Amino acid sequence: MHRIAGWWDGLELWVAGLPFIPQFIVVLAVMVPVSCAIAWLLDRVLISVLHLLGRANPDSTTTPDRTGRLP
């Protein structure tokens, strides 16, 4: 665990030492794909859990109609 923590600290220091524009580009190049992957994974897990609980289909009484109003 200490090796991983040491590696992570070194990476943080390297990114923090970059000038602003390269730092911004590196953070975006890593964080946008990682955030999208985490969101996709959480979506799949939540869909599976709701399916197991029998709540996979939305309740029609709380679904807005075409005009956007609730029935």
N, C-alpha and C. Protein backbone atom coordinates (compact mmCIF):
# COMPACT_ATOMS: atom_id res chain seq x y z
N MET A 1 0.82 -1.18 0.00
CA MET A 1 0.00 0.00 0.00
C MET A 1 0.87 1.26 0.00
N HIS A 2 2.02 1.17 0.68
CA HIS A 2 2.91 2.32 0.73
C HIS A 2 3.47 2.64 -0.66
N ARG A 3 3.68 1.61 -1.47
CA ARG A 3 4.18 1.85 -2.84
C ARG A 3 3.14 2.60 -3.66
N ILE A 4 1.88 2.19 -3.54
CA ILE A 4 0.82 2.87 -4.29
C ILE A 4 0.68 4.31 -3.82
N ALA A 5 0.71 4.52 -2.50
CA ALA A 5 0.60 5.87 -1.95
C ALA A 5 1.78 6.73 -2.39
N GLY A 6 2.98 6.15 -2.40
CA GLY A 6 4.15 6.88 -2.85
C GLY A 6 4.08 7.24 -4.32
N TRP A 7 3.60 6.29 -5.13
CA TRP A 7 3.45 6.55 -6.56
C TRP A 7 2.42 7.66 -6.79
N TRP A 8 1.30 7.58 -6.06
CA TRP A 8 0.24 8.58 -6.22
C TRP A 8 0.73 9.96 -5.79
N ASP A 9 1.47 10.04 -4.69
CA ASP A 9 2.01 11.32 -4.24
C ASP A 9 2.97 11.90 -5.27
N GLY A 10 3.80 11.05 -5.86
CA GLY A 10 4.71 11.52 -6.90
C GLY A 10 3.97 12.04 -8.12
N LEU A 11 2.92 11.35 -8.50
CA LEU A 11 2.11 11.79 -9.64
C LEU A 11 1.44 13.13 -9.35
N GLU A 12 0.89 13.28 -8.14
CA GLU A 12 0.26 14.54 -7.77
C GLU A 12 1.27 15.69 -7.80
N LEU A 13 2.46 15.43 -7.26
CA LEU A 13 3.48 16.47 -7.26
C LEU A 13 3.92 16.83 -8.68
N TRP A 14 4.00 15.83 -9.55
CA TRP A 14 4.38 16.09 -10.93
C TRP A 14 3.32 16.96 -11.61
N VAL A 15 2.04 16.61 -11.44
CA VAL A 15 0.97 17.39 -12.07
C VAL A 15 0.93 18.80 -11.47
N ALA A 16 1.07 18.91 -10.16
CA ALA A 16 1.02 20.22 -9.51
C ALA A 16 2.20 21.10 -9.93
N GLY A 17 3.30 20.49 -10.33
CA GLY A 17 4.46 21.26 -10.75
C GLY A 17 4.41 21.74 -12.19
N LEU A 18 3.44 21.26 -12.95
CA LEU A 18 3.32 21.69 -14.34
C LEU A 18 2.76 23.10 -14.41
N PRO A 19 3.08 23.85 -15.48
CA PRO A 19 2.42 25.13 -15.69
C PRO A 19 0.91 24.91 -15.89
N PHE A 20 0.14 26.00 -15.79
CA PHE A 20 -1.32 25.88 -15.77
C PHE A 20 -1.89 25.18 -16.99
N ILE A 21 -1.52 25.59 -18.19
CA ILE A 21 -2.12 25.03 -19.41
C ILE A 21 -1.82 23.53 -19.54
N PRO A 22 -0.57 23.09 -19.44
CA PRO A 22 -0.33 21.64 -19.49
C PRO A 22 -1.03 20.89 -18.35
N GLN A 23 -1.07 21.48 -17.16
CA GLN A 23 -1.77 20.85 -16.04
C GLN A 23 -3.25 20.68 -16.37
N PHE A 24 -3.86 21.71 -16.93
CA PHE A 24 -5.27 21.68 -17.32
C PHE A 24 -5.51 20.58 -18.36
N ILE A 25 -4.64 20.49 -19.35
CA ILE A 25 -4.79 19.49 -20.41
C ILE A 25 -4.63 18.07 -19.85
N VAL A 26 -3.64 17.86 -19.00
CA VAL A 26 -3.41 16.53 -18.42
C VAL A 26 -4.60 16.12 -17.55
N VAL A 27 -5.10 17.03 -16.72
CA VAL A 27 -6.23 16.71 -15.86
C VAL A 27 -7.46 16.40 -16.70
N LEU A 28 -7.74 17.18 -17.73
CA LEU A 28 -8.90 16.91 -18.59
C LEU A 28 -8.75 15.60 -19.34
N ALA A 29 -7.54 15.33 -19.83
CA ALA A 29 -7.33 14.11 -20.61
C ALA A 29 -7.53 12.86 -19.75
N VAL A 30 -7.31 12.98 -18.45
CA VAL A 30 -7.48 11.83 -17.56
C VAL A 30 -8.85 11.85 -16.90
N MET A 31 -9.26 12.98 -16.37
CA MET A 31 -10.48 13.03 -15.56
C MET A 31 -11.76 12.87 -16.36
N VAL A 32 -11.83 13.39 -17.56
CA VAL A 32 -13.07 13.25 -18.34
C VAL A 32 -13.34 11.78 -18.66
N PRO A 33 -12.40 11.02 -19.22
CA PRO A 33 -12.69 9.60 -19.47
C PRO A 33 -12.93 8.80 -18.19
N VAL A 34 -12.18 9.08 -17.13
CA VAL A 34 -12.37 8.35 -15.88
C VAL A 34 -13.74 8.65 -15.29
N SER A 35 -14.15 9.92 -15.31
CA SER A 35 -15.47 10.29 -14.80
C SER A 35 -16.59 9.65 -15.61
N CYS A 36 -16.44 9.63 -16.92
CA CYS A 36 -17.45 8.98 -17.77
C CYS A 36 -17.52 7.48 -17.48
N ALA A 37 -16.38 6.85 -17.29
CA ALA A 37 -16.37 5.41 -16.99
C ALA A 37 -17.02 5.12 -15.64
N ILE A 38 -16.76 5.95 -14.64
CA ILE A 38 -17.38 5.76 -13.33
C ILE A 38 -18.88 5.97 -13.41
N ALA A 39 -19.32 7.00 -14.15
CA ALA A 39 -20.76 7.25 -14.30
C ALA A 39 -21.44 6.09 -15.01
N TRP A 40 -20.81 5.55 -16.06
CA TRP A 40 -21.38 4.41 -16.79
C TRP A 40 -21.49 3.20 -15.87
N LEU A 41 -20.42 2.94 -15.10
CA LEU A 41 -20.42 1.80 -14.19
C LEU A 41 -21.50 1.94 -13.12
N LEU A 42 -21.64 3.12 -12.53
CA LEU A 42 -22.68 3.33 -11.53
C LEU A 42 -24.07 3.18 -12.13
N ASP A 43 -24.25 3.62 -13.37
CA ASP A 43 -25.53 3.47 -14.05
C ASP A 43 -25.87 2.00 -14.22
N ARG A 44 -24.91 1.20 -14.66
CA ARG A 44 -25.14 -0.24 -14.85
C ARG A 44 -25.45 -0.93 -13.52
N VAL A 45 -24.73 -0.57 -12.47
CA VAL A 45 -24.97 -1.17 -11.15
C VAL A 45 -26.36 -0.80 -10.66
N LEU A 46 -26.74 0.46 -10.79
CA LEU A 46 -28.06 0.90 -10.33
C LEU A 46 -29.18 0.23 -11.12
N ILE A 47 -29.01 0.09 -12.43
CA ILE A 47 -30.02 -0.60 -13.24
C ILE A 47 -30.16 -2.05 -12.78
N SER A 48 -29.05 -2.72 -12.51
CA SER A 48 -29.10 -4.11 -12.04
C SER A 48 -29.79 -4.23 -10.69
N VAL A 49 -29.46 -3.33 -9.77
CA VAL A 49 -30.08 -3.37 -8.44
C VAL A 49 -31.57 -3.10 -8.54
N LEU A 50 -31.97 -2.12 -9.33
CA LEU A 50 -33.40 -1.82 -9.48
C LEU A 50 -34.13 -2.98 -10.15
N HIS A 51 -33.47 -3.63 -11.09
CA HIS A 51 -34.08 -4.79 -11.74
C HIS A 51 -34.30 -5.92 -10.73
N LEU A 52 -33.31 -6.16 -9.87
CA LEU A 52 -33.44 -7.20 -8.85
C LEU A 52 -34.55 -6.87 -7.84
N LEU A 53 -34.76 -5.59 -7.58
CA LEU A 53 -35.79 -5.17 -6.64
C LEU A 53 -37.17 -5.07 -7.28
N GLY A 54 -37.24 -5.33 -8.59
CA GLY A 54 -38.52 -5.25 -9.28
C GLY A 54 -38.95 -3.83 -9.59
N ARG A 55 -38.01 -2.91 -9.62
CA ARG A 55 -38.31 -1.51 -9.88
C ARG A 55 -37.70 -1.04 -11.20
N ALA A 56 -37.56 -1.95 -12.15
CA ALA A 56 -36.89 -1.62 -13.40
C ALA A 56 -37.70 -0.67 -14.27
N ASN A 57 -39.02 -0.79 -14.25
CA ASN A 57 -39.87 0.06 -15.07
C ASN A 57 -40.38 1.23 -14.25
N PRO A 58 -40.38 2.45 -14.83
CA PRO A 58 -40.86 3.61 -14.09
C PRO A 58 -42.36 3.52 -13.83
N ASP A 59 -42.78 4.09 -12.74
CA ASP A 59 -44.20 4.13 -12.38
C ASP A 59 -44.90 5.13 -13.29
N SER A 60 -45.98 4.72 -13.92
CA SER A 60 -46.66 5.59 -14.89
C SER A 60 -47.32 6.78 -14.21
N THR A 61 -47.57 6.73 -12.91
CA THR A 61 -48.21 7.86 -12.24
C THR A 61 -47.22 8.99 -11.97
N THR A 62 -45.94 8.72 -12.06
CA THR A 62 -44.94 9.76 -11.82
C THR A 62 -44.19 10.13 -13.09
N THR A 63 -44.61 9.59 -14.23
CA THR A 63 -43.96 9.89 -15.49
C THR A 63 -44.71 11.03 -16.18
N PRO A 64 -44.02 12.10 -16.57
CA PRO A 64 -44.71 13.20 -17.24
C PRO A 64 -45.25 12.77 -18.60
N ASP A 65 -46.33 13.39 -19.02
CA ASP A 65 -46.86 13.10 -20.35
C ASP A 65 -46.09 13.92 -21.39
N ARG A 66 -46.59 13.95 -22.63
CA ARG A 66 -45.88 14.64 -23.70
C ARG A 66 -45.73 16.14 -23.45
N THR A 67 -46.64 16.72 -22.70
CA THR A 67 -46.57 18.16 -22.43
C THR A 67 -45.64 18.47 -21.26
N GLY A 68 -45.18 17.44 -20.56
CA GLY A 68 -44.28 17.64 -19.43
C GLY A 68 -45.00 17.72 -18.10
N ARG A 69 -46.32 17.55 -18.11
CA ARG A 69 -47.10 17.61 -16.87
C ARG A 69 -47.29 16.21 -16.31
N LEU A 70 -47.34 16.14 -14.99
CA LEU A 70 -47.64 14.87 -14.33
C LEU A 70 -49.14 14.63 -14.38
N PRO A 71 -49.57 13.37 -14.53
CA PRO A 71 -51.01 13.10 -14.57
C PRO A 71 -51.69 13.35 -13.24
